[in-house]
Amino acid sequence: MTAAVAIVIGAWVFMPKYFQYGVNTISDFIEIRFDTTTKRIVSILFMFTFVVSFMPVVLYSGALIFNDLFHIDEFLGVSSITAVAIIAFVIGAVGSHI
């Protein structure tokens, strides 16, 4: 509930500025408001945060579900954590080529 309220308040505060400047992303807004160097720094920070905090959670939770559904650990004769690591590796490797 709190996150929904925060999103609505954030949109109410920032959307008029986005419409005023005619931008679609935060990076575009930062480039107009500051400069290209700042935009690049912020973009690198966004990508780093995505890779460090979001991707591991998505890969690990997907691998847990995949292991629960198909019992890869029993099929391969390895521990559950090893099966999850293998599945996460495969999902990440396949995802990087798509």
N, C-alpha and C. Protein backbone atom coordinates (compact mmCIF):
# COMPACT_ATOMS: atom_id res chain seq x y z
N MET A 1 0.82 -1.19 0.00
CA MET A 1 0.00 0.00 0.00
C MET A 1 0.88 1.26 0.00
N THR A 2 1.92 1.24 0.80
CA THR A 2 2.80 2.40 0.90
C THR A 2 3.51 2.68 -0.42
N ALA A 3 3.94 1.61 -1.11
CA ALA A 3 4.63 1.79 -2.38
C ALA A 3 3.70 2.41 -3.43
N ALA A 4 2.45 2.00 -3.42
CA ALA A 4 1.49 2.56 -4.38
C ALA A 4 1.29 4.05 -4.13
N VAL A 5 1.20 4.43 -2.87
CA VAL A 5 1.03 5.85 -2.53
C VAL A 5 2.28 6.63 -2.95
N ALA A 6 3.46 6.07 -2.72
CA ALA A 6 4.71 6.74 -3.10
C ALA A 6 4.80 6.92 -4.61
N ILE A 7 4.37 5.92 -5.37
CA ILE A 7 4.41 6.03 -6.83
C ILE A 7 3.47 7.12 -7.32
N VAL A 8 2.27 7.18 -6.75
CA VAL A 8 1.30 8.21 -7.15
C VAL A 8 1.83 9.60 -6.81
N ILE A 9 2.37 9.76 -5.63
CA ILE A 9 2.91 11.07 -5.24
C ILE A 9 4.11 11.44 -6.12
N GLY A 10 4.99 10.47 -6.39
CA GLY A 10 6.13 10.74 -7.27
C GLY A 10 5.70 11.14 -8.66
N ALA A 11 4.69 10.45 -9.20
CA ALA A 11 4.18 10.81 -10.53
C ALA A 11 3.54 12.19 -10.50
N TRP A 12 2.82 12.50 -9.45
CA TRP A 12 2.16 13.80 -9.34
C TRP A 12 3.18 14.94 -9.29
N VAL A 13 4.34 14.66 -8.66
CA VAL A 13 5.37 15.69 -8.54
C VAL A 13 6.20 15.80 -9.82
N PHE A 14 6.60 14.66 -10.41
CA PHE A 14 7.57 14.69 -11.50
C PHE A 14 6.96 14.71 -12.90
N MET A 15 5.77 14.22 -13.10
CA MET A 15 5.18 14.18 -14.44
C MET A 15 5.03 15.57 -15.08
N PRO A 16 4.62 16.59 -14.34
CA PRO A 16 4.56 17.91 -14.99
C PRO A 16 5.91 18.38 -15.53
N LYS A 17 6.98 18.08 -14.81
CA LYS A 17 8.32 18.46 -15.31
C LYS A 17 8.67 17.68 -16.56
N TYR A 18 8.35 16.38 -16.58
CA TYR A 18 8.61 15.57 -17.77
C TYR A 18 7.87 16.13 -18.97
N PHE A 19 6.59 16.46 -18.79
CA PHE A 19 5.80 17.01 -19.89
C PHE A 19 6.34 18.37 -20.32
N GLN A 20 6.77 19.16 -19.36
CA GLN A 20 7.30 20.50 -19.66
C GLN A 20 8.56 20.40 -20.53
N TYR A 21 9.46 19.47 -20.19
CA TYR A 21 10.71 19.33 -20.95
C TYR A 21 10.56 18.42 -22.16
N GLY A 22 9.48 17.67 -22.25
CA GLY A 22 9.26 16.78 -23.38
C GLY A 22 10.19 15.58 -23.39
N VAL A 23 10.45 15.00 -22.23
CA VAL A 23 11.34 13.85 -22.14
C VAL A 23 10.54 12.60 -21.75
N ASN A 24 11.16 11.45 -21.99
CA ASN A 24 10.51 10.18 -21.69
C ASN A 24 11.19 9.40 -20.57
N THR A 25 12.46 9.65 -20.33
CA THR A 25 13.19 8.89 -19.33
C THR A 25 13.89 9.82 -18.36
N ILE A 26 14.30 9.26 -17.24
CA ILE A 26 15.04 10.03 -16.24
C ILE A 26 16.38 10.48 -16.81
N SER A 27 17.01 9.61 -17.59
CA SER A 27 18.30 9.98 -18.19
C SER A 27 18.18 11.18 -19.12
N ASP A 28 17.12 11.20 -19.92
CA ASP A 28 16.91 12.36 -20.80
C ASP A 28 16.69 13.64 -19.99
N PHE A 29 15.92 13.52 -18.92
CA PHE A 29 15.66 14.67 -18.06
C PHE A 29 16.95 15.18 -17.43
N ILE A 30 17.80 14.27 -16.98
CA ILE A 30 19.06 14.67 -16.36
C ILE A 30 19.97 15.34 -17.38
N GLU A 31 19.95 14.85 -18.63
CA GLU A 31 20.78 15.47 -19.66
C GLU A 31 20.33 16.90 -19.94
N ILE A 32 19.03 17.14 -19.97
CA ILE A 32 18.54 18.49 -20.20
C ILE A 32 18.81 19.38 -18.99
N ARG A 33 18.59 18.84 -17.81
CA ARG A 33 18.71 19.63 -16.58
C ARG A 33 20.17 19.93 -16.24
N PHE A 34 21.06 18.97 -16.50
CA PHE A 34 22.48 19.14 -16.16
C PHE A 34 23.32 19.11 -17.43
N ASP A 35 24.01 18.00 -17.70
CA ASP A 35 24.80 17.89 -18.92
C ASP A 35 24.97 16.41 -19.28
N THR A 36 25.65 16.17 -20.41
CA THR A 36 25.81 14.81 -20.91
C THR A 36 26.67 13.96 -19.99
N THR A 37 27.68 14.53 -19.38
CA THR A 37 28.53 13.77 -18.46
C THR A 37 27.73 13.26 -17.27
N THR A 38 26.88 14.11 -16.71
CA THR A 38 26.05 13.69 -15.59
C THR A 38 25.09 12.59 -16.03
N LYS A 39 24.56 12.71 -17.23
CA LYS A 39 23.66 11.67 -17.75
C LYS A 39 24.39 10.34 -17.84
N ARG A 40 25.60 10.35 -18.33
CA ARG A 40 26.38 9.11 -18.45
C ARG A 40 26.67 8.50 -17.08
N ILE A 41 27.03 9.34 -16.13
CA ILE A 41 27.31 8.84 -14.77
C ILE A 41 26.07 8.20 -14.17
N VAL A 42 24.94 8.88 -14.29
CA VAL A 42 23.69 8.34 -13.74
C VAL A 42 23.28 7.06 -14.46
N SER A 43 23.47 7.01 -15.78
CA SER A 43 23.14 5.80 -16.53
C SER A 43 24.00 4.62 -16.08
N ILE A 44 25.27 4.86 -15.85
CA ILE A 44 26.17 3.81 -15.37
C ILE A 44 25.74 3.35 -13.98
N LEU A 45 25.37 4.29 -13.13
CA LEU A 45 24.89 3.92 -11.79
C LEU A 45 23.60 3.11 -11.86
N PHE A 46 22.67 3.49 -12.74
CA PHE A 46 21.44 2.72 -12.91
C PHE A 46 21.74 1.30 -13.38
N MET A 47 22.63 1.16 -14.35
CA MET A 47 22.97 -0.18 -14.86
C MET A 47 23.64 -1.01 -13.77
N PHE A 48 24.56 -0.40 -13.02
CA PHE A 48 25.24 -1.11 -11.94
C PHE A 48 24.24 -1.59 -10.90
N THR A 49 23.31 -0.73 -10.52
CA THR A 49 22.30 -1.09 -9.53
C THR A 49 21.42 -2.22 -10.05
N PHE A 50 21.06 -2.17 -11.32
CA PHE A 50 20.25 -3.22 -11.92
C PHE A 50 20.97 -4.56 -11.87
N VAL A 51 22.24 -4.56 -12.26
CA VAL A 51 23.01 -5.80 -12.31
C VAL A 51 23.27 -6.35 -10.91
N VAL A 52 23.55 -5.49 -9.96
CA VAL A 52 23.93 -5.94 -8.62
C VAL A 52 22.72 -6.31 -7.77
N SER A 53 21.62 -5.58 -7.87
CA SER A 53 20.52 -5.82 -6.95
C SER A 53 19.33 -6.55 -7.58
N PHE A 54 19.00 -6.29 -8.83
CA PHE A 54 17.79 -6.85 -9.40
C PHE A 54 18.02 -8.20 -10.09
N MET A 55 19.03 -8.29 -10.93
CA MET A 55 19.26 -9.51 -11.70
C MET A 55 19.53 -10.74 -10.82
N PRO A 56 20.35 -10.66 -9.78
CA PRO A 56 20.55 -11.86 -8.96
C PRO A 56 19.26 -12.37 -8.32
N VAL A 57 18.41 -11.47 -7.88
CA VAL A 57 17.14 -11.88 -7.27
C VAL A 57 16.26 -12.58 -8.29
N VAL A 58 16.17 -12.03 -9.48
CA VAL A 58 15.34 -12.62 -10.53
C VAL A 58 15.88 -13.99 -10.93
N LEU A 59 17.17 -14.08 -11.15
CA LEU A 59 17.75 -15.37 -11.54
C LEU A 59 17.63 -16.41 -10.45
N TYR A 60 17.88 -16.03 -9.21
CA TYR A 60 17.82 -16.99 -8.11
C TYR A 60 16.40 -17.46 -7.86
N SER A 61 15.44 -16.55 -7.84
CA SER A 61 14.06 -16.96 -7.59
C SER A 61 13.52 -17.81 -8.74
N GLY A 62 13.87 -17.46 -9.97
CA GLY A 62 13.47 -18.29 -11.10
C GLY A 62 14.07 -19.67 -11.05
N ALA A 63 15.34 -19.75 -10.64
CA ALA A 63 16.00 -21.05 -10.53
C ALA A 63 15.39 -21.89 -9.42
N LEU A 64 15.00 -21.26 -8.31
CA LEU A 64 14.33 -22.01 -7.23
C LEU A 64 13.02 -22.62 -7.71
N ILE A 65 12.22 -21.84 -8.39
CA ILE A 65 10.95 -22.33 -8.90
C ILE A 65 11.18 -23.44 -9.93
N PHE A 66 12.12 -23.22 -10.83
CA PHE A 66 12.44 -24.23 -11.85
C PHE A 66 12.87 -25.54 -11.20
N ASN A 67 13.68 -25.45 -10.16
CA ASN A 67 14.13 -26.64 -9.45
C ASN A 67 12.97 -27.32 -8.73
N ASP A 68 12.08 -26.55 -8.13
CA ASP A 68 10.92 -27.14 -7.46
C ASP A 68 9.98 -27.83 -8.45
N LEU A 69 9.83 -27.27 -9.62
CA LEU A 69 8.92 -27.85 -10.61
C LEU A 69 9.49 -29.12 -11.26
N PHE A 70 10.76 -29.10 -11.61
CA PHE A 70 11.34 -30.18 -12.40
C PHE A 70 12.33 -31.05 -11.63
N HIS A 71 12.60 -30.76 -10.38
CA HIS A 71 13.48 -31.57 -9.51
C HIS A 71 14.82 -31.87 -10.17
N ILE A 72 15.46 -30.81 -10.63
CA ILE A 72 16.76 -30.94 -11.30
C ILE A 72 17.81 -31.50 -10.35
N ASP A 73 17.72 -31.16 -9.07
CA ASP A 73 18.71 -31.66 -8.11
C ASP A 73 18.69 -33.17 -8.00
N GLU A 74 17.50 -33.78 -8.04
CA GLU A 74 17.41 -35.24 -8.00
C GLU A 74 17.88 -35.85 -9.31
N PHE A 75 17.55 -35.20 -10.42
CA PHE A 75 17.94 -35.71 -11.73
C PHE A 75 19.45 -35.72 -11.91
N LEU A 76 20.11 -34.66 -11.45
CA LEU A 76 21.56 -34.56 -11.61
C LEU A 76 22.33 -35.21 -10.46
N GLY A 77 21.64 -35.51 -9.36
CA GLY A 77 22.31 -36.11 -8.21
C GLY A 77 23.20 -35.12 -7.47
N VAL A 78 22.78 -33.86 -7.42
CA VAL A 78 23.55 -32.84 -6.72
C VAL A 78 22.66 -32.22 -5.65
N SER A 79 23.27 -31.38 -4.82
CA SER A 79 22.48 -30.72 -3.78
C SER A 79 21.56 -29.67 -4.40
N SER A 80 20.58 -29.24 -3.64
CA SER A 80 19.61 -28.26 -4.15
C SER A 80 20.29 -26.95 -4.51
N ILE A 81 21.21 -26.50 -3.68
CA ILE A 81 21.87 -25.22 -3.94
C ILE A 81 22.73 -25.29 -5.20
N THR A 82 23.34 -26.45 -5.45
CA THR A 82 24.13 -26.61 -6.67
C THR A 82 23.22 -26.60 -7.89
N ALA A 83 22.07 -27.27 -7.78
CA ALA A 83 21.12 -27.28 -8.90
C ALA A 83 20.61 -25.87 -9.18
N VAL A 84 20.33 -25.12 -8.13
CA VAL A 84 19.87 -23.74 -8.32
C VAL A 84 20.95 -22.90 -8.97
N ALA A 85 22.20 -23.10 -8.57
CA ALA A 85 23.31 -22.35 -9.17
C ALA A 85 23.46 -22.70 -10.65
N ILE A 86 23.33 -23.98 -10.98
CA ILE A 86 23.43 -24.41 -12.38
C ILE A 86 22.31 -23.79 -13.21
N ILE A 87 21.10 -23.85 -12.68
CA ILE A 87 19.95 -23.31 -13.41
C ILE A 87 20.10 -21.79 -13.59
N ALA A 88 20.52 -21.09 -12.54
CA ALA A 88 20.71 -19.65 -12.64
C ALA A 88 21.79 -19.32 -13.67
N PHE A 89 22.84 -20.12 -13.70
CA PHE A 89 23.90 -19.91 -14.70
C PHE A 89 23.37 -20.09 -16.11
N VAL A 90 22.60 -21.14 -16.32
CA VAL A 90 22.06 -21.42 -17.66
C VAL A 90 21.08 -20.33 -18.07
N ILE A 91 20.19 -19.92 -17.17
CA ILE A 91 19.24 -18.86 -17.48
C ILE A 91 19.98 -17.57 -17.83
N GLY A 92 21.02 -17.25 -17.07
CA GLY A 92 21.79 -16.04 -17.34
C GLY A 92 22.55 -16.13 -18.65
N ALA A 93 23.11 -17.29 -18.96
CA ALA A 93 23.86 -17.45 -20.20
C ALA A 93 22.95 -17.39 -21.40
N VAL A 94 21.79 -18.02 -21.32
CA VAL A 94 20.84 -17.98 -22.43
C VAL A 94 20.28 -16.57 -22.59
N GLY A 95 19.98 -15.93 -21.47
CA GLY A 95 19.42 -14.58 -21.52
C GLY A 95 20.38 -13.56 -22.10
N SER A 96 21.66 -13.78 -21.94
CA SER A 96 22.63 -12.82 -22.47
C SER A 96 22.77 -12.93 -23.99
N HIS A 97 22.35 -14.03 -24.56
CA HIS A 97 22.45 -14.22 -26.01
C HIS A 97 21.16 -13.85 -26.75
N ILE A 98 20.14 -13.52 -26.03
CA ILE A 98 18.86 -13.17 -26.67
C ILE A 98 18.80 -11.71 -26.94
